[in-house]
Amino acid sequence: MRIRPGMFAKSKAGRDKDCIYVIICVNDDYVYLADGKKWTVCHLKKKNKRHVQPICRPCCETVTDDEKIFKAVREFARGQDC
């Protein structure tokens, strides 16, 4: 599966295991994630691609607003019963 900005992703490893994020940027080896609360667009979480499970459902077209990202992650988590 091709990882693209704007997709949801679930952390598979680390202290944040099972947390839901939105992919902001994709590099060769890393993805940069935000949740809109702790990890904002200005302060992204850097995570290895192998430690992230992309979710096919897109978040939103624009991934520059922390409030929209936070609401989207919260709504997605409610639907997944996390």
N, C-alpha and C. Protein backbone atom coordinates (compact mmCIF):
# COMPACT_ATOMS: atom_id res chain seq x y z
N MET A 1 0.84 -1.17 0.00
CA MET A 1 0.00 0.00 0.00
C MET A 1 0.89 1.24 0.00
N ARG A 2 0.54 2.17 -0.81
CA ARG A 2 1.29 3.42 -0.91
C ARG A 2 0.83 4.38 0.18
N ILE A 3 1.78 4.90 0.93
CA ILE A 3 1.49 5.84 2.00
C ILE A 3 1.47 7.24 1.42
N ARG A 4 0.38 7.97 1.68
CA ARG A 4 0.23 9.34 1.16
C ARG A 4 -0.15 10.30 2.29
N PRO A 5 0.24 11.56 2.16
CA PRO A 5 -0.21 12.56 3.15
C PRO A 5 -1.73 12.68 3.14
N GLY A 6 -2.28 12.87 4.32
CA GLY A 6 -3.72 13.00 4.46
C GLY A 6 -4.41 11.71 4.89
N MET A 7 -3.68 10.60 4.90
CA MET A 7 -4.25 9.32 5.32
C MET A 7 -4.13 9.18 6.84
N PHE A 8 -5.03 8.38 7.41
CA PHE A 8 -4.88 8.01 8.81
C PHE A 8 -3.81 6.93 8.91
N ALA A 9 -3.17 6.84 10.08
CA ALA A 9 -2.18 5.80 10.33
C ALA A 9 -2.27 5.39 11.79
N LYS A 10 -2.00 4.12 12.03
CA LYS A 10 -2.01 3.59 13.39
C LYS A 10 -0.59 3.16 13.74
N SER A 11 -0.13 3.55 14.90
CA SER A 11 1.20 3.21 15.35
C SER A 11 1.24 1.74 15.74
N LYS A 12 2.25 1.00 15.24
CA LYS A 12 2.37 -0.43 15.54
C LYS A 12 3.41 -0.71 16.61
N ALA A 13 4.28 0.26 16.91
CA ALA A 13 5.36 0.01 17.86
C ALA A 13 5.71 1.30 18.60
N GLY A 14 6.31 1.12 19.76
CA GLY A 14 6.75 2.26 20.56
C GLY A 14 5.79 2.57 21.69
N ARG A 15 6.09 3.64 22.41
CA ARG A 15 5.25 4.06 23.54
C ARG A 15 3.85 4.44 23.10
N ASP A 16 3.71 4.87 21.86
CA ASP A 16 2.42 5.32 21.35
C ASP A 16 1.69 4.23 20.57
N LYS A 17 1.98 2.98 20.85
CA LYS A 17 1.36 1.86 20.14
C LYS A 17 -0.17 1.99 20.16
N ASP A 18 -0.80 1.75 19.02
CA ASP A 18 -2.26 1.80 18.82
C ASP A 18 -2.83 3.21 18.79
N CYS A 19 -2.00 4.23 18.76
CA CYS A 19 -2.50 5.60 18.62
C CYS A 19 -2.78 5.91 17.16
N ILE A 20 -3.77 6.75 16.93
CA ILE A 20 -4.16 7.14 15.58
C ILE A 20 -3.57 8.51 15.28
N TYR A 21 -3.00 8.64 14.10
CA TYR A 21 -2.40 9.89 13.64
C TYR A 21 -2.86 10.18 12.21
N VAL A 22 -2.52 11.36 11.73
CA VAL A 22 -2.71 11.73 10.33
C VAL A 22 -1.32 11.91 9.74
N ILE A 23 -1.10 11.32 8.58
CA ILE A 23 0.19 11.45 7.91
C ILE A 23 0.27 12.83 7.27
N ILE A 24 1.32 13.56 7.60
CA ILE A 24 1.51 14.91 7.08
C ILE A 24 2.51 14.90 5.93
N CYS A 25 3.60 14.17 6.11
CA CYS A 25 4.67 14.16 5.12
C CYS A 25 5.27 12.76 5.07
N VAL A 26 5.75 12.36 3.88
CA VAL A 26 6.35 11.04 3.70
C VAL A 26 7.75 11.23 3.13
N ASN A 27 8.71 10.56 3.75
CA ASN A 27 10.10 10.59 3.33
C ASN A 27 10.45 9.18 2.84
N ASP A 28 11.71 8.94 2.47
CA ASP A 28 12.11 7.60 2.02
C ASP A 28 11.95 6.56 3.13
N ASP A 29 12.41 6.88 4.33
CA ASP A 29 12.38 5.92 5.44
C ASP A 29 11.41 6.29 6.55
N TYR A 30 10.97 7.53 6.59
CA TYR A 30 10.17 8.01 7.70
C TYR A 30 8.87 8.64 7.25
N VAL A 31 7.90 8.65 8.16
CA VAL A 31 6.68 9.43 7.97
C VAL A 31 6.60 10.44 9.11
N TYR A 32 5.98 11.55 8.84
CA TYR A 32 5.81 12.60 9.84
C TYR A 32 4.32 12.70 10.13
N LEU A 33 3.99 12.56 11.41
CA LEU A 33 2.60 12.41 11.84
C LEU A 33 2.17 13.54 12.76
N ALA A 34 0.85 13.76 12.80
CA ALA A 34 0.27 14.74 13.71
C ALA A 34 -1.04 14.18 14.24
N ASP A 35 -1.37 14.56 15.47
CA ASP A 35 -2.67 14.19 16.04
C ASP A 35 -3.51 15.43 16.38
N GLY A 36 -2.93 16.61 16.19
CA GLY A 36 -3.66 17.84 16.42
C GLY A 36 -3.64 18.31 17.86
N LYS A 37 -3.15 17.50 18.77
CA LYS A 37 -3.12 17.88 20.18
C LYS A 37 -1.67 17.96 20.67
N LYS A 38 -1.06 16.82 20.92
CA LYS A 38 0.33 16.81 21.36
C LYS A 38 1.27 17.02 20.18
N TRP A 39 1.03 16.34 19.11
CA TRP A 39 1.85 16.44 17.90
C TRP A 39 1.11 17.31 16.89
N THR A 40 1.54 18.56 16.81
CA THR A 40 0.88 19.52 15.93
C THR A 40 1.59 19.58 14.58
N VAL A 41 1.04 20.36 13.68
CA VAL A 41 1.64 20.51 12.35
C VAL A 41 3.00 21.19 12.45
N CYS A 42 3.19 22.03 13.44
CA CYS A 42 4.49 22.70 13.63
C CYS A 42 5.49 21.82 14.38
N HIS A 43 5.01 20.82 15.09
CA HIS A 43 5.85 19.92 15.88
C HIS A 43 5.42 18.49 15.57
N LEU A 44 5.95 17.94 14.46
CA LEU A 44 5.51 16.63 13.97
C LEU A 44 6.25 15.49 14.65
N LYS A 45 5.62 14.34 14.67
CA LYS A 45 6.22 13.12 15.19
C LYS A 45 6.87 12.38 14.03
N LYS A 46 8.15 12.08 14.16
CA LYS A 46 8.89 11.35 13.15
C LYS A 46 8.85 9.87 13.51
N LYS A 47 8.41 9.03 12.58
CA LYS A 47 8.26 7.61 12.88
C LYS A 47 8.74 6.81 11.67
N ASN A 48 9.37 5.69 11.92
CA ASN A 48 9.82 4.80 10.88
C ASN A 48 8.61 4.22 10.14
N LYS A 49 8.69 4.10 8.83
CA LYS A 49 7.57 3.58 8.04
C LYS A 49 7.16 2.18 8.47
N ARG A 50 8.14 1.38 8.92
CA ARG A 50 7.84 0.00 9.33
C ARG A 50 6.99 -0.06 10.60
N HIS A 51 6.97 1.03 11.36
CA HIS A 51 6.25 1.05 12.63
C HIS A 51 4.88 1.70 12.53
N VAL A 52 4.42 1.91 11.30
CA VAL A 52 3.14 2.57 11.07
C VAL A 52 2.29 1.71 10.14
N GLN A 53 1.02 1.57 10.50
CA GLN A 53 0.07 0.86 9.64
C GLN A 53 -0.86 1.90 9.02
N PRO A 54 -0.73 2.14 7.71
CA PRO A 54 -1.62 3.12 7.07
C PRO A 54 -3.05 2.59 7.00
N ILE A 55 -3.99 3.48 7.11
CA ILE A 55 -5.41 3.16 7.03
C ILE A 55 -5.93 3.79 5.76
N CYS A 56 -6.60 3.01 4.93
CA CYS A 56 -7.00 3.47 3.59
C CYS A 56 -7.94 4.66 3.60
N ARG A 57 -8.62 4.92 4.67
CA ARG A 57 -9.57 6.02 4.74
C ARG A 57 -8.84 7.36 4.82
N PRO A 58 -9.06 8.25 3.86
CA PRO A 58 -8.40 9.55 3.93
C PRO A 58 -8.99 10.43 5.02
N CYS A 59 -8.15 11.26 5.62
CA CYS A 59 -8.59 12.17 6.68
C CYS A 59 -9.28 13.38 6.09
N CYS A 60 -8.54 14.18 5.39
CA CYS A 60 -9.05 15.38 4.76
C CYS A 60 -8.07 15.82 3.69
N GLU A 61 -8.50 16.69 2.85
CA GLU A 61 -7.65 17.13 1.75
C GLU A 61 -6.54 18.06 2.23
N THR A 62 -6.85 18.92 3.17
CA THR A 62 -5.84 19.82 3.70
C THR A 62 -5.42 19.35 5.09
N VAL A 63 -4.12 19.24 5.30
CA VAL A 63 -3.61 18.75 6.58
C VAL A 63 -2.74 19.81 7.24
N THR A 64 -3.22 21.04 7.22
CA THR A 64 -2.44 22.13 7.81
C THR A 64 -3.09 22.75 9.04
N ASP A 65 -4.29 22.31 9.39
CA ASP A 65 -5.01 22.90 10.51
C ASP A 65 -5.10 21.88 11.65
N ASP A 66 -4.50 22.21 12.81
CA ASP A 66 -4.47 21.30 13.93
C ASP A 66 -5.87 20.96 14.45
N GLU A 67 -6.76 21.92 14.46
CA GLU A 67 -8.11 21.68 14.96
C GLU A 67 -8.85 20.66 14.09
N LYS A 68 -8.72 20.78 12.78
CA LYS A 68 -9.37 19.81 11.88
C LYS A 68 -8.77 18.42 12.05
N ILE A 69 -7.46 18.36 12.21
CA ILE A 69 -6.79 17.07 12.40
C ILE A 69 -7.26 16.44 13.70
N PHE A 70 -7.31 17.22 14.78
CA PHE A 70 -7.75 16.70 16.07
C PHE A 70 -9.18 16.15 16.00
N LYS A 71 -10.07 16.90 15.36
CA LYS A 71 -11.46 16.45 15.23
C LYS A 71 -11.56 15.19 14.40
N ALA A 72 -10.80 15.11 13.31
CA ALA A 72 -10.84 13.93 12.45
C ALA A 72 -10.32 12.69 13.17
N VAL A 73 -9.23 12.84 13.92
CA VAL A 73 -8.67 11.71 14.67
C VAL A 73 -9.64 11.27 15.75
N ARG A 74 -10.25 12.23 16.44
CA ARG A 74 -11.22 11.90 17.50
C ARG A 74 -12.42 11.15 16.94
N GLU A 75 -12.96 11.63 15.81
CA GLU A 75 -14.12 10.97 15.19
C GLU A 75 -13.75 9.57 14.70
N PHE A 76 -12.56 9.42 14.12
CA PHE A 76 -12.14 8.11 13.65
C PHE A 76 -11.97 7.15 14.81
N ALA A 77 -11.37 7.62 15.92
CA ALA A 77 -11.18 6.77 17.09
C ALA A 77 -12.51 6.35 17.71
N ARG A 78 -13.49 7.24 17.70
CA ARG A 78 -14.81 6.87 18.23
C ARG A 78 -15.44 5.77 17.41
N GLY A 79 -15.27 5.82 16.11
CA GLY A 79 -15.82 4.79 15.22
C GLY A 79 -15.10 3.46 15.34
N GLN A 80 -13.84 3.49 15.78
CA GLN A 80 -13.04 2.27 15.92
C GLN A 80 -13.11 1.69 17.32
N ASP A 81 -13.76 2.37 18.26
CA ASP A 81 -13.86 1.94 19.66
C ASP A 81 -12.49 1.73 20.29
N CYS A 82 -11.63 2.73 20.17
CA CYS A 82 -10.29 2.65 20.77
C CYS A 82 -10.35 2.94 22.25
